[in-house]
Amino acid sequence: MNAHDQDQEELGPSRSQRRRDALDVLVLAEKLVALTATQLREVPLDDTLLEHVRLAQKITAHIAHKRQVHFLAKLMRKQDDLEPIRLAVDKPLEVRRKETAELHLIERWRERLIEDGDEALSELIGSFPDLDRNRLRQLMRQAQVERRENRAPSAQRAIFQMLKPLFRSDPNPEPEVAIEDDGEDARQDS
């Protein structure tokens, strides 16, 4: 090894490498600030970082928000290990997409039940025979009345909550195929 190689090892990472690392942390800080309160609870942050993330979320002025995010990134660079934070921020992306697809499926079924009535109910009961038909039919009628009279959608919410356990354990959120494939497993989990 020559003297130049030894100098490089003693100096540590190059300026370019430090800059790339800083930009990576800045991107992570931006992702943190973009998370909802529920998602943020699942990220292992200390109190100081959490406080600064919440502060950055509250700031609406563009430049002030940018400054706060940069300050948050600076604080994060002082942390020993950012890997748990990275994993907590990046991992749930696919999970959130799946949950969103499940929620959309539940919403489509709720709308079908309210709009199509007994036809959609018969199809759903065919896939889930243990479903409380009378309660669901009663909620469907209440939801139709609520829509006509522009009232709060409490029955629609109740239908949604009644359908949620049926579709939550469903690995493939496709309407008819997924319902018939995993309907029995979903009922057992409830």
N, C-alpha and C. Protein backbone atom coordinates (compact mmCIF):
# COMPACT_ATOMS: atom_id res chain seq x y z
N MET A 1 0.83 -1.17 0.00
CA MET A 1 0.00 0.00 0.00
C MET A 1 0.88 1.25 0.00
N ASN A 2 0.53 2.21 -0.83
CA ASN A 2 1.35 3.42 -0.84
C ASN A 2 0.77 4.47 0.10
N ALA A 3 1.43 5.56 0.23
CA ALA A 3 1.05 6.62 1.16
C ALA A 3 -0.28 7.26 0.78
N HIS A 4 -0.54 7.36 -0.51
CA HIS A 4 -1.79 7.99 -0.97
C HIS A 4 -3.01 7.15 -0.55
N ASP A 5 -2.93 5.81 -0.66
CA ASP A 5 -4.02 4.94 -0.25
C ASP A 5 -4.27 5.01 1.25
N GLN A 6 -3.21 5.12 2.01
CA GLN A 6 -3.36 5.24 3.46
C GLN A 6 -4.03 6.55 3.83
N ASP A 7 -3.70 7.62 3.12
CA ASP A 7 -4.32 8.92 3.38
C ASP A 7 -5.83 8.85 3.10
N GLN A 8 -6.20 8.15 2.03
CA GLN A 8 -7.61 8.02 1.66
C GLN A 8 -8.39 7.28 2.75
N GLU A 9 -7.80 6.22 3.31
CA GLU A 9 -8.47 5.46 4.36
C GLU A 9 -8.65 6.29 5.61
N GLU A 10 -7.68 7.10 5.95
CA GLU A 10 -7.74 7.91 7.16
C GLU A 10 -8.74 9.06 7.02
N LEU A 11 -8.92 9.56 5.81
CA LEU A 11 -9.80 10.70 5.60
C LEU A 11 -11.28 10.33 5.68
N GLY A 12 -11.62 9.11 5.44
CA GLY A 12 -13.02 8.71 5.46
C GLY A 12 -13.66 8.91 4.10
N PRO A 13 -14.98 9.00 4.07
CA PRO A 13 -15.66 9.11 2.78
C PRO A 13 -15.36 10.45 2.10
N SER A 14 -15.42 10.43 0.80
CA SER A 14 -15.15 11.64 0.03
C SER A 14 -16.27 12.65 0.22
N ARG A 15 -16.02 13.86 -0.21
CA ARG A 15 -17.03 14.91 -0.11
C ARG A 15 -18.26 14.53 -0.94
N SER A 16 -18.04 13.98 -2.10
CA SER A 16 -19.15 13.55 -2.96
C SER A 16 -19.99 12.47 -2.27
N GLN A 17 -19.32 11.52 -1.63
CA GLN A 17 -20.04 10.46 -0.94
C GLN A 17 -20.84 11.03 0.24
N ARG A 18 -20.25 11.94 0.99
CA ARG A 18 -20.97 12.56 2.11
C ARG A 18 -22.19 13.32 1.59
N ARG A 19 -22.05 13.96 0.45
CA ARG A 19 -23.16 14.71 -0.15
C ARG A 19 -24.27 13.76 -0.59
N ARG A 20 -23.92 12.65 -1.20
CA ARG A 20 -24.92 11.66 -1.60
C ARG A 20 -25.66 11.10 -0.38
N ASP A 21 -24.89 10.83 0.67
CA ASP A 21 -25.51 10.33 1.90
C ASP A 21 -26.48 11.36 2.49
N ALA A 22 -26.07 12.63 2.47
CA ALA A 22 -26.92 13.70 2.98
C ALA A 22 -28.20 13.82 2.16
N LEU A 23 -28.09 13.67 0.85
CA LEU A 23 -29.29 13.73 0.01
C LEU A 23 -30.22 12.54 0.27
N ASP A 24 -29.65 11.37 0.53
CA ASP A 24 -30.46 10.21 0.87
C ASP A 24 -31.23 10.45 2.17
N VAL A 25 -30.58 11.05 3.15
CA VAL A 25 -31.24 11.34 4.42
C VAL A 25 -32.32 12.40 4.20
N LEU A 26 -32.06 13.37 3.32
CA LEU A 26 -33.06 14.39 3.02
C LEU A 26 -34.30 13.77 2.40
N VAL A 27 -34.12 12.83 1.49
CA VAL A 27 -35.25 12.13 0.88
C VAL A 27 -36.03 11.36 1.96
N LEU A 28 -35.31 10.72 2.87
CA LEU A 28 -35.96 10.00 3.97
C LEU A 28 -36.76 10.98 4.84
N ALA A 29 -36.20 12.15 5.12
CA ALA A 29 -36.89 13.15 5.92
C ALA A 29 -38.17 13.61 5.21
N GLU A 30 -38.10 13.79 3.90
CA GLU A 30 -39.29 14.18 3.15
C GLU A 30 -40.37 13.10 3.21
N LYS A 31 -39.95 11.85 3.14
CA LYS A 31 -40.90 10.75 3.24
C LYS A 31 -41.55 10.73 4.62
N LEU A 32 -40.76 10.97 5.66
CA LEU A 32 -41.29 11.00 7.02
C LEU A 32 -42.35 12.08 7.17
N VAL A 33 -42.07 13.25 6.63
CA VAL A 33 -43.00 14.37 6.75
C VAL A 33 -44.28 14.08 5.98
N ALA A 34 -44.21 13.28 4.93
CA ALA A 34 -45.38 12.97 4.12
C ALA A 34 -46.28 11.91 4.75
N LEU A 35 -45.81 11.22 5.79
CA LEU A 35 -46.61 10.17 6.43
C LEU A 35 -47.77 10.75 7.22
N THR A 36 -48.84 9.97 7.33
CA THR A 36 -49.96 10.37 8.18
C THR A 36 -49.60 10.09 9.64
N ALA A 37 -50.41 10.59 10.55
CA ALA A 37 -50.16 10.39 11.97
C ALA A 37 -50.17 8.91 12.34
N THR A 38 -51.06 8.15 11.75
CA THR A 38 -51.14 6.71 12.02
C THR A 38 -49.88 6.00 11.54
N GLN A 39 -49.43 6.33 10.34
CA GLN A 39 -48.23 5.70 9.80
C GLN A 39 -47.00 6.13 10.59
N LEU A 40 -46.99 7.36 11.05
CA LEU A 40 -45.85 7.89 11.79
C LEU A 40 -45.67 7.18 13.13
N ARG A 41 -46.78 6.73 13.73
CA ARG A 41 -46.70 6.01 15.00
C ARG A 41 -45.91 4.71 14.89
N GLU A 42 -45.85 4.15 13.71
CA GLU A 42 -45.18 2.88 13.51
C GLU A 42 -43.69 3.03 13.21
N VAL A 43 -43.23 4.27 13.09
CA VAL A 43 -41.82 4.52 12.78
C VAL A 43 -41.07 4.74 14.09
N PRO A 44 -39.96 4.04 14.28
CA PRO A 44 -39.21 4.17 15.54
C PRO A 44 -38.40 5.46 15.59
N LEU A 45 -39.04 6.55 16.01
CA LEU A 45 -38.38 7.85 16.12
C LEU A 45 -38.25 8.24 17.58
N ASP A 46 -37.15 8.93 17.92
CA ASP A 46 -37.07 9.46 19.27
C ASP A 46 -37.95 10.71 19.35
N ASP A 47 -38.16 11.20 20.57
CA ASP A 47 -39.09 12.31 20.78
C ASP A 47 -38.70 13.58 20.03
N THR A 48 -37.41 13.87 19.97
CA THR A 48 -36.95 15.08 19.29
C THR A 48 -37.26 15.02 17.81
N LEU A 49 -36.94 13.92 17.17
CA LEU A 49 -37.22 13.79 15.74
C LEU A 49 -38.72 13.81 15.47
N LEU A 50 -39.47 13.14 16.30
CA LEU A 50 -40.91 13.11 16.13
C LEU A 50 -41.50 14.52 16.24
N GLU A 51 -41.01 15.28 17.18
CA GLU A 51 -41.47 16.66 17.36
C GLU A 51 -41.17 17.51 16.12
N HIS A 52 -39.98 17.34 15.56
CA HIS A 52 -39.60 18.11 14.38
C HIS A 52 -40.35 17.63 13.13
N VAL A 53 -40.67 16.35 13.06
CA VAL A 53 -41.49 15.86 11.94
C VAL A 53 -42.87 16.50 12.01
N ARG A 54 -43.46 16.49 13.18
CA ARG A 54 -44.80 17.09 13.34
C ARG A 54 -44.78 18.59 13.05
N LEU A 55 -43.72 19.25 13.47
CA LEU A 55 -43.59 20.68 13.19
C LEU A 55 -43.51 20.92 11.68
N ALA A 56 -42.74 20.11 10.99
CA ALA A 56 -42.62 20.26 9.54
C ALA A 56 -43.97 19.99 8.85
N GLN A 57 -44.75 19.08 9.39
CA GLN A 57 -46.05 18.79 8.81
C GLN A 57 -47.01 19.96 8.97
N LYS A 58 -46.85 20.72 10.05
CA LYS A 58 -47.75 21.86 10.31
C LYS A 58 -47.41 23.07 9.45
N ILE A 59 -46.16 23.22 9.08
CA ILE A 59 -45.72 24.41 8.34
C ILE A 59 -46.22 24.32 6.90
N THR A 60 -46.92 25.37 6.47
CA THR A 60 -47.48 25.36 5.12
C THR A 60 -46.72 26.25 4.15
N ALA A 61 -46.02 27.25 4.64
CA ALA A 61 -45.24 28.13 3.76
C ALA A 61 -44.12 27.32 3.12
N HIS A 62 -44.00 27.43 1.80
CA HIS A 62 -43.10 26.55 1.05
C HIS A 62 -41.65 26.60 1.55
N ILE A 63 -41.08 27.79 1.61
CA ILE A 63 -39.67 27.92 1.99
C ILE A 63 -39.46 27.51 3.44
N ALA A 64 -40.38 27.91 4.32
CA ALA A 64 -40.25 27.54 5.74
C ALA A 64 -40.36 26.02 5.90
N HIS A 65 -41.26 25.40 5.14
CA HIS A 65 -41.40 23.94 5.19
C HIS A 65 -40.12 23.28 4.71
N LYS A 66 -39.58 23.76 3.62
CA LYS A 66 -38.34 23.21 3.07
C LYS A 66 -37.20 23.35 4.08
N ARG A 67 -37.12 24.50 4.72
CA ARG A 67 -36.08 24.75 5.72
C ARG A 67 -36.22 23.77 6.89
N GLN A 68 -37.45 23.55 7.33
CA GLN A 68 -37.68 22.64 8.45
C GLN A 68 -37.32 21.20 8.07
N VAL A 69 -37.64 20.79 6.84
CA VAL A 69 -37.31 19.43 6.40
C VAL A 69 -35.78 19.28 6.33
N HIS A 70 -35.10 20.31 5.85
CA HIS A 70 -33.63 20.25 5.81
C HIS A 70 -33.06 20.16 7.22
N PHE A 71 -33.65 20.90 8.16
CA PHE A 71 -33.18 20.84 9.54
C PHE A 71 -33.44 19.45 10.12
N LEU A 72 -34.59 18.87 9.80
CA LEU A 72 -34.90 17.51 10.24
C LEU A 72 -33.87 16.53 9.69
N ALA A 73 -33.50 16.69 8.42
CA ALA A 73 -32.49 15.82 7.82
C ALA A 73 -31.15 15.97 8.52
N LYS A 74 -30.82 17.19 8.89
CA LYS A 74 -29.57 17.44 9.62
C LYS A 74 -29.58 16.70 10.96
N LEU A 75 -30.70 16.77 11.67
CA LEU A 75 -30.81 16.04 12.94
C LEU A 75 -30.72 14.54 12.72
N MET A 76 -31.31 14.07 11.63
CA MET A 76 -31.29 12.64 11.35
C MET A 76 -29.88 12.16 11.01
N ARG A 77 -29.09 13.00 10.34
CA ARG A 77 -27.71 12.60 10.01
C ARG A 77 -26.87 12.39 11.25
N LYS A 78 -27.27 13.01 12.35
CA LYS A 78 -26.53 12.84 13.61
C LYS A 78 -26.90 11.53 14.31
N GLN A 79 -27.97 10.89 13.86
CA GLN A 79 -28.39 9.61 14.45
C GLN A 79 -27.38 8.52 14.08
N ASP A 80 -27.23 7.55 14.96
CA ASP A 80 -26.29 6.46 14.71
C ASP A 80 -26.76 5.54 13.59
N ASP A 81 -28.00 5.09 13.69
CA ASP A 81 -28.48 4.10 12.74
C ASP A 81 -29.85 4.51 12.21
N LEU A 82 -29.93 4.81 10.93
CA LEU A 82 -31.19 5.20 10.31
C LEU A 82 -31.91 4.03 9.64
N GLU A 83 -31.29 2.87 9.63
CA GLU A 83 -31.86 1.73 8.93
C GLU A 83 -33.24 1.33 9.46
N PRO A 84 -33.48 1.29 10.78
CA PRO A 84 -34.83 0.96 11.26
C PRO A 84 -35.88 1.96 10.78
N ILE A 85 -35.48 3.23 10.70
CA ILE A 85 -36.41 4.26 10.22
C ILE A 85 -36.68 4.04 8.74
N ARG A 86 -35.63 3.76 7.97
CA ARG A 86 -35.81 3.50 6.52
C ARG A 86 -36.74 2.32 6.29
N LEU A 87 -36.52 1.25 7.03
CA LEU A 87 -37.36 0.06 6.87
C LEU A 87 -38.82 0.36 7.21
N ALA A 88 -39.03 1.11 8.29
CA ALA A 88 -40.39 1.42 8.70
C ALA A 88 -41.09 2.33 7.69
N VAL A 89 -40.34 3.19 7.02
CA VAL A 89 -40.94 4.10 6.05
C VAL A 89 -41.17 3.40 4.72
N ASP A 90 -40.23 2.59 4.26
CA ASP A 90 -40.32 1.99 2.93
C ASP A 90 -41.15 0.70 2.91
N LYS A 91 -41.08 -0.09 3.94
CA LYS A 91 -41.76 -1.39 3.95
C LYS A 91 -43.27 -1.28 3.80
N PRO A 92 -43.92 -0.38 4.52
CA PRO A 92 -45.38 -0.36 4.46
C PRO A 92 -45.97 0.12 3.13
N LEU A 93 -45.15 0.56 2.19
CA LEU A 93 -45.70 1.07 0.94
C LEU A 93 -46.55 0.03 0.24
N GLU A 94 -46.04 -1.18 0.10
CA GLU A 94 -46.80 -2.25 -0.55
C GLU A 94 -47.99 -2.66 0.30
N VAL A 95 -47.81 -2.65 1.61
CA VAL A 95 -48.90 -2.99 2.51
C VAL A 95 -50.02 -1.95 2.39
N ARG A 96 -49.63 -0.66 2.33
CA ARG A 96 -50.63 0.40 2.18
C ARG A 96 -51.37 0.27 0.86
N ARG A 97 -50.67 -0.10 -0.19
CA ARG A 97 -51.33 -0.28 -1.50
C ARG A 97 -52.35 -1.41 -1.43
N LYS A 98 -51.97 -2.49 -0.76
CA LYS A 98 -52.88 -3.63 -0.63
C LYS A 98 -54.10 -3.24 0.20
N GLU A 99 -53.87 -2.54 1.31
CA GLU A 99 -54.98 -2.11 2.15
C GLU A 99 -55.90 -1.16 1.39
N THR A 100 -55.32 -0.27 0.60
CA THR A 100 -56.13 0.66 -0.19
C THR A 100 -56.98 -0.11 -1.19
N ALA A 101 -56.40 -1.11 -1.83
CA ALA A 101 -57.17 -1.92 -2.78
C ALA A 101 -58.31 -2.65 -2.07
N GLU A 102 -58.04 -3.17 -0.87
CA GLU A 102 -59.09 -3.85 -0.10
C GLU A 102 -60.21 -2.89 0.26
N LEU A 103 -59.84 -1.68 0.69
CA LEU A 103 -60.85 -0.69 1.06
C LEU A 103 -61.69 -0.30 -0.15
N HIS A 104 -61.05 -0.19 -1.31
CA HIS A 104 -61.80 0.14 -2.53
C HIS A 104 -62.78 -0.98 -2.88
N LEU A 105 -62.35 -2.21 -2.69
CA LEU A 105 -63.23 -3.34 -2.95
C LEU A 105 -64.44 -3.31 -2.01
N ILE A 106 -64.20 -3.04 -0.75
CA ILE A 106 -65.29 -2.96 0.23
C ILE A 106 -66.23 -1.82 -0.14
N GLU A 107 -65.66 -0.68 -0.55
CA GLU A 107 -66.50 0.45 -0.94
C GLU A 107 -67.35 0.11 -2.17
N ARG A 108 -66.77 -0.60 -3.13
CA ARG A 108 -67.54 -0.99 -4.32
C ARG A 108 -68.71 -1.91 -3.94
N TRP A 109 -68.44 -2.85 -3.05
CA TRP A 109 -69.51 -3.75 -2.61
C TRP A 109 -70.59 -2.97 -1.86
N ARG A 110 -70.18 -2.05 -1.02
CA ARG A 110 -71.16 -1.24 -0.27
C ARG A 110 -72.05 -0.47 -1.25
N GLU A 111 -71.43 0.15 -2.26
CA GLU A 111 -72.20 0.90 -3.25
C GLU A 111 -73.14 -0.02 -4.03
N ARG A 112 -72.64 -1.19 -4.40
CA ARG A 112 -73.50 -2.14 -5.11
C ARG A 112 -74.68 -2.55 -4.25
N LEU A 113 -74.43 -2.81 -2.98
CA LEU A 113 -75.52 -3.23 -2.09
C LEU A 113 -76.57 -2.14 -1.97
N ILE A 114 -76.14 -0.90 -1.86
CA ILE A 114 -77.09 0.20 -1.71
C ILE A 114 -77.85 0.46 -3.01
N GLU A 115 -77.14 0.43 -4.13
CA GLU A 115 -77.76 0.76 -5.41
C GLU A 115 -78.52 -0.42 -6.03
N ASP A 116 -77.95 -1.61 -6.01
CA ASP A 116 -78.56 -2.76 -6.68
C ASP A 116 -79.52 -3.54 -5.78
N GLY A 117 -79.41 -3.33 -4.48
CA GLY A 117 -80.35 -3.95 -3.55
C GLY A 117 -80.19 -5.45 -3.43
N ASP A 118 -81.34 -6.14 -3.56
CA ASP A 118 -81.39 -7.59 -3.30
C ASP A 118 -80.54 -8.41 -4.27
N GLU A 119 -80.37 -7.92 -5.49
CA GLU A 119 -79.55 -8.65 -6.46
C GLU A 119 -78.11 -8.77 -5.96
N ALA A 120 -77.54 -7.65 -5.53
CA ALA A 120 -76.17 -7.66 -5.01
C ALA A 120 -76.10 -8.43 -3.69
N LEU A 121 -77.14 -8.29 -2.88
CA LEU A 121 -77.18 -9.00 -1.59
C LEU A 121 -77.19 -10.51 -1.82
N SER A 122 -77.96 -10.98 -2.78
CA SER A 122 -78.00 -12.43 -3.07
C SER A 122 -76.63 -12.93 -3.51
N GLU A 123 -75.96 -12.13 -4.33
CA GLU A 123 -74.62 -12.52 -4.79
C GLU A 123 -73.64 -12.59 -3.62
N LEU A 124 -73.72 -11.61 -2.73
CA LEU A 124 -72.82 -11.59 -1.57
C LEU A 124 -73.14 -12.74 -0.62
N ILE A 125 -74.42 -13.00 -0.39
CA ILE A 125 -74.83 -14.09 0.49
C ILE A 125 -74.40 -15.43 -0.11
N GLY A 126 -74.41 -15.54 -1.44
CA GLY A 126 -73.94 -16.76 -2.09
C GLY A 126 -72.49 -17.04 -1.77
N SER A 127 -71.68 -16.00 -1.63
CA SER A 127 -70.27 -16.16 -1.31
C SER A 127 -70.03 -16.28 0.19
N PHE A 128 -70.88 -15.63 0.97
CA PHE A 128 -70.74 -15.64 2.43
C PHE A 128 -72.07 -16.03 3.05
N PRO A 129 -72.41 -17.31 3.10
CA PRO A 129 -73.72 -17.73 3.60
C PRO A 129 -73.95 -17.42 5.08
N ASP A 130 -72.91 -17.24 5.85
CA ASP A 130 -73.07 -16.96 7.28
C ASP A 130 -73.36 -15.49 7.57
N LEU A 131 -73.36 -14.68 6.56
CA LEU A 131 -73.59 -13.24 6.72
C LEU A 131 -75.02 -12.99 7.22
N ASP A 132 -75.19 -12.04 8.12
CA ASP A 132 -76.50 -11.70 8.67
C ASP A 132 -77.31 -10.94 7.63
N ARG A 133 -78.11 -11.67 6.87
CA ARG A 133 -78.87 -11.12 5.74
C ARG A 133 -79.85 -10.04 6.20
N ASN A 134 -80.58 -10.31 7.29
CA ASN A 134 -81.60 -9.36 7.75
C ASN A 134 -80.99 -8.04 8.20
N ARG A 135 -79.92 -8.14 8.95
CA ARG A 135 -79.25 -6.91 9.43
C ARG A 135 -78.70 -6.12 8.24
N LEU A 136 -78.10 -6.79 7.29
CA LEU A 136 -77.54 -6.12 6.14
C LEU A 136 -78.64 -5.48 5.28
N ARG A 137 -79.74 -6.18 5.10
CA ARG A 137 -80.86 -5.62 4.33
C ARG A 137 -81.43 -4.38 5.02
N GLN A 138 -81.52 -4.42 6.34
CA GLN A 138 -82.01 -3.28 7.11
C GLN A 138 -81.07 -2.09 6.94
N LEU A 139 -79.77 -2.33 7.00
CA LEU A 139 -78.79 -1.26 6.82
C LEU A 139 -78.84 -0.69 5.40
N MET A 140 -79.09 -1.57 4.42
CA MET A 140 -79.20 -1.11 3.03
C MET A 140 -80.37 -0.14 2.88
N ARG A 141 -81.51 -0.48 3.47
CA ARG A 141 -82.68 0.40 3.39
C ARG A 141 -82.40 1.73 4.09
N GLN A 142 -81.76 1.66 5.27
CA GLN A 142 -81.43 2.90 6.00
C GLN A 142 -80.48 3.78 5.18
N ALA A 143 -79.52 3.16 4.53
CA ALA A 143 -78.56 3.91 3.72
C ALA A 143 -79.25 4.59 2.55
N GLN A 144 -80.22 3.91 1.94
CA GLN A 144 -80.95 4.52 0.83
C GLN A 144 -81.75 5.73 1.31
N VAL A 145 -82.37 5.61 2.47
CA VAL A 145 -83.11 6.74 3.04
C VAL A 145 -82.16 7.89 3.37
N GLU A 146 -81.03 7.57 3.97
CA GLU A 146 -80.05 8.60 4.31
C GLU A 146 -79.60 9.37 3.07
N ARG A 147 -79.37 8.67 1.98
CA ARG A 147 -78.95 9.34 0.74
C ARG A 147 -80.06 10.24 0.20
N ARG A 148 -81.28 9.71 0.21
CA ARG A 148 -82.40 10.52 -0.31
C ARG A 148 -82.58 11.80 0.49
N GLU A 149 -82.44 11.70 1.81
CA GLU A 149 -82.71 12.83 2.70
C GLU A 149 -81.45 13.61 3.06
N ASN A 150 -80.32 13.29 2.41
CA ASN A 150 -79.04 13.98 2.67
C ASN A 150 -78.67 14.00 4.15
N ARG A 151 -78.84 12.87 4.80
CA ARG A 151 -78.47 12.75 6.22
C ARG A 151 -77.08 12.16 6.34
N ALA A 152 -76.57 12.17 7.55
CA ALA A 152 -75.25 11.58 7.82
C ALA A 152 -75.27 10.10 7.45
N PRO A 153 -74.19 9.61 6.84
CA PRO A 153 -74.18 8.23 6.32
C PRO A 153 -73.84 7.18 7.37
N SER A 154 -74.57 7.15 8.47
CA SER A 154 -74.24 6.18 9.52
C SER A 154 -74.51 4.74 9.08
N ALA A 155 -75.57 4.51 8.34
CA ALA A 155 -75.86 3.15 7.88
C ALA A 155 -74.82 2.70 6.86
N GLN A 156 -74.35 3.63 6.02
CA GLN A 156 -73.31 3.28 5.05
C GLN A 156 -72.04 2.87 5.78
N ARG A 157 -71.72 3.58 6.85
CA ARG A 157 -70.54 3.23 7.65
C ARG A 157 -70.73 1.85 8.29
N ALA A 158 -71.95 1.59 8.76
CA ALA A 158 -72.22 0.30 9.39
C ALA A 158 -72.09 -0.84 8.38
N ILE A 159 -72.56 -0.62 7.15
CA ILE A 159 -72.40 -1.62 6.10
C ILE A 159 -70.91 -1.87 5.85
N PHE A 160 -70.16 -0.78 5.76
CA PHE A 160 -68.72 -0.88 5.52
C PHE A 160 -68.07 -1.72 6.63
N GLN A 161 -68.41 -1.42 7.88
CA GLN A 161 -67.83 -2.16 9.01
C GLN A 161 -68.26 -3.62 9.00
N MET A 162 -69.45 -3.89 8.52
CA MET A 162 -69.94 -5.26 8.45
C MET A 162 -69.21 -6.04 7.35
N LEU A 163 -68.85 -5.37 6.27
CA LEU A 163 -68.16 -6.02 5.16
C LEU A 163 -66.66 -6.14 5.38
N LYS A 164 -66.09 -5.25 6.16
CA LYS A 164 -64.64 -5.22 6.33
C LYS A 164 -64.03 -6.55 6.75
N PRO A 165 -64.54 -7.24 7.76
CA PRO A 165 -63.91 -8.51 8.14
C PRO A 165 -63.99 -9.59 7.05
N LEU A 166 -64.96 -9.48 6.17
CA LEU A 166 -65.09 -10.47 5.11
C LEU A 166 -63.96 -10.36 4.09
N PHE A 167 -63.52 -9.14 3.84
CA PHE A 167 -62.53 -8.90 2.79
C PHE A 167 -61.13 -8.65 3.32
N ARG A 168 -60.96 -8.41 4.59
CA ARG A 168 -59.67 -8.05 5.15
C ARG A 168 -58.62 -9.13 5.00
N SER A 169 -58.96 -10.37 5.19
CA SER A 169 -57.96 -11.43 5.09
C SER A 169 -57.82 -11.94 3.66
N ASP A 170 -58.45 -11.27 2.73
CA ASP A 170 -58.46 -11.68 1.34
C ASP A 170 -57.13 -11.32 0.68
N PRO A 171 -56.33 -12.31 0.22
CA PRO A 171 -55.04 -12.01 -0.35
C PRO A 171 -55.11 -11.38 -1.73
N ASN A 172 -56.20 -11.59 -2.48
CA ASN A 172 -56.32 -11.05 -3.82
C ASN A 172 -57.60 -10.25 -3.92
N PRO A 173 -57.53 -8.90 -3.88
CA PRO A 173 -58.74 -8.11 -3.83
C PRO A 173 -59.45 -7.97 -5.17
N GLU A 174 -59.78 -9.07 -5.79
CA GLU A 174 -60.59 -9.06 -7.00
C GLU A 174 -62.00 -9.47 -6.60
N PRO A 175 -63.03 -8.81 -7.11
CA PRO A 175 -64.39 -9.03 -6.62
C PRO A 175 -64.85 -10.48 -6.53
N GLU A 176 -65.44 -11.04 -7.57
CA GLU A 176 -66.09 -12.34 -7.45
C GLU A 176 -65.11 -13.48 -7.19
N VAL A 177 -63.98 -13.49 -7.89
CA VAL A 177 -63.02 -14.59 -7.77
C VAL A 177 -62.48 -14.68 -6.35
N ALA A 178 -62.06 -13.54 -5.80
CA ALA A 178 -61.46 -13.52 -4.47
C ALA A 178 -62.49 -13.88 -3.41
N ILE A 179 -63.72 -13.45 -3.60
CA ILE A 179 -64.76 -13.73 -2.61
C ILE A 179 -64.99 -15.22 -2.52
N GLU A 180 -65.09 -15.88 -3.66
CA GLU A 180 -65.36 -17.31 -3.65
C GLU A 180 -64.17 -18.11 -3.18
N ASP A 181 -62.93 -17.67 -3.50
CA ASP A 181 -61.74 -18.41 -3.12
C ASP A 181 -61.49 -18.40 -1.63
N ASP A 182 -61.57 -17.22 -1.01
CA ASP A 182 -61.18 -17.10 0.39
C ASP A 182 -62.33 -16.75 1.32
N GLY A 183 -63.54 -16.87 0.87
CA GLY A 183 -64.68 -16.52 1.71
C GLY A 183 -64.72 -17.31 3.00
N GLU A 184 -64.44 -18.61 2.94
CA GLU A 184 -64.49 -19.45 4.13
C GLU A 184 -63.42 -19.05 5.13
N ASP A 185 -62.19 -18.75 4.65
CA ASP A 185 -61.11 -18.35 5.55
C ASP A 185 -61.44 -17.03 6.22
N ALA A 186 -62.04 -16.09 5.47
CA ALA A 186 -62.36 -14.79 6.03
C ALA A 186 -63.38 -14.91 7.14
N ARG A 187 -64.36 -15.83 6.98
CA ARG A 187 -65.37 -16.00 8.03
C ARG A 187 -64.76 -16.61 9.28
N GLN A 188 -63.81 -17.49 9.12
CA GLN A 188 -63.20 -18.14 10.29
C GLN A 188 -62.35 -17.15 11.07
N ASP A 189 -61.72 -16.17 10.40
CA ASP A 189 -60.89 -15.21 11.09
C ASP A 189 -61.71 -14.22 11.89
N SER A 190 -62.95 -14.00 11.51
CA SER A 190 -63.78 -12.98 12.16
C SER A 190 -64.15 -13.38 13.55
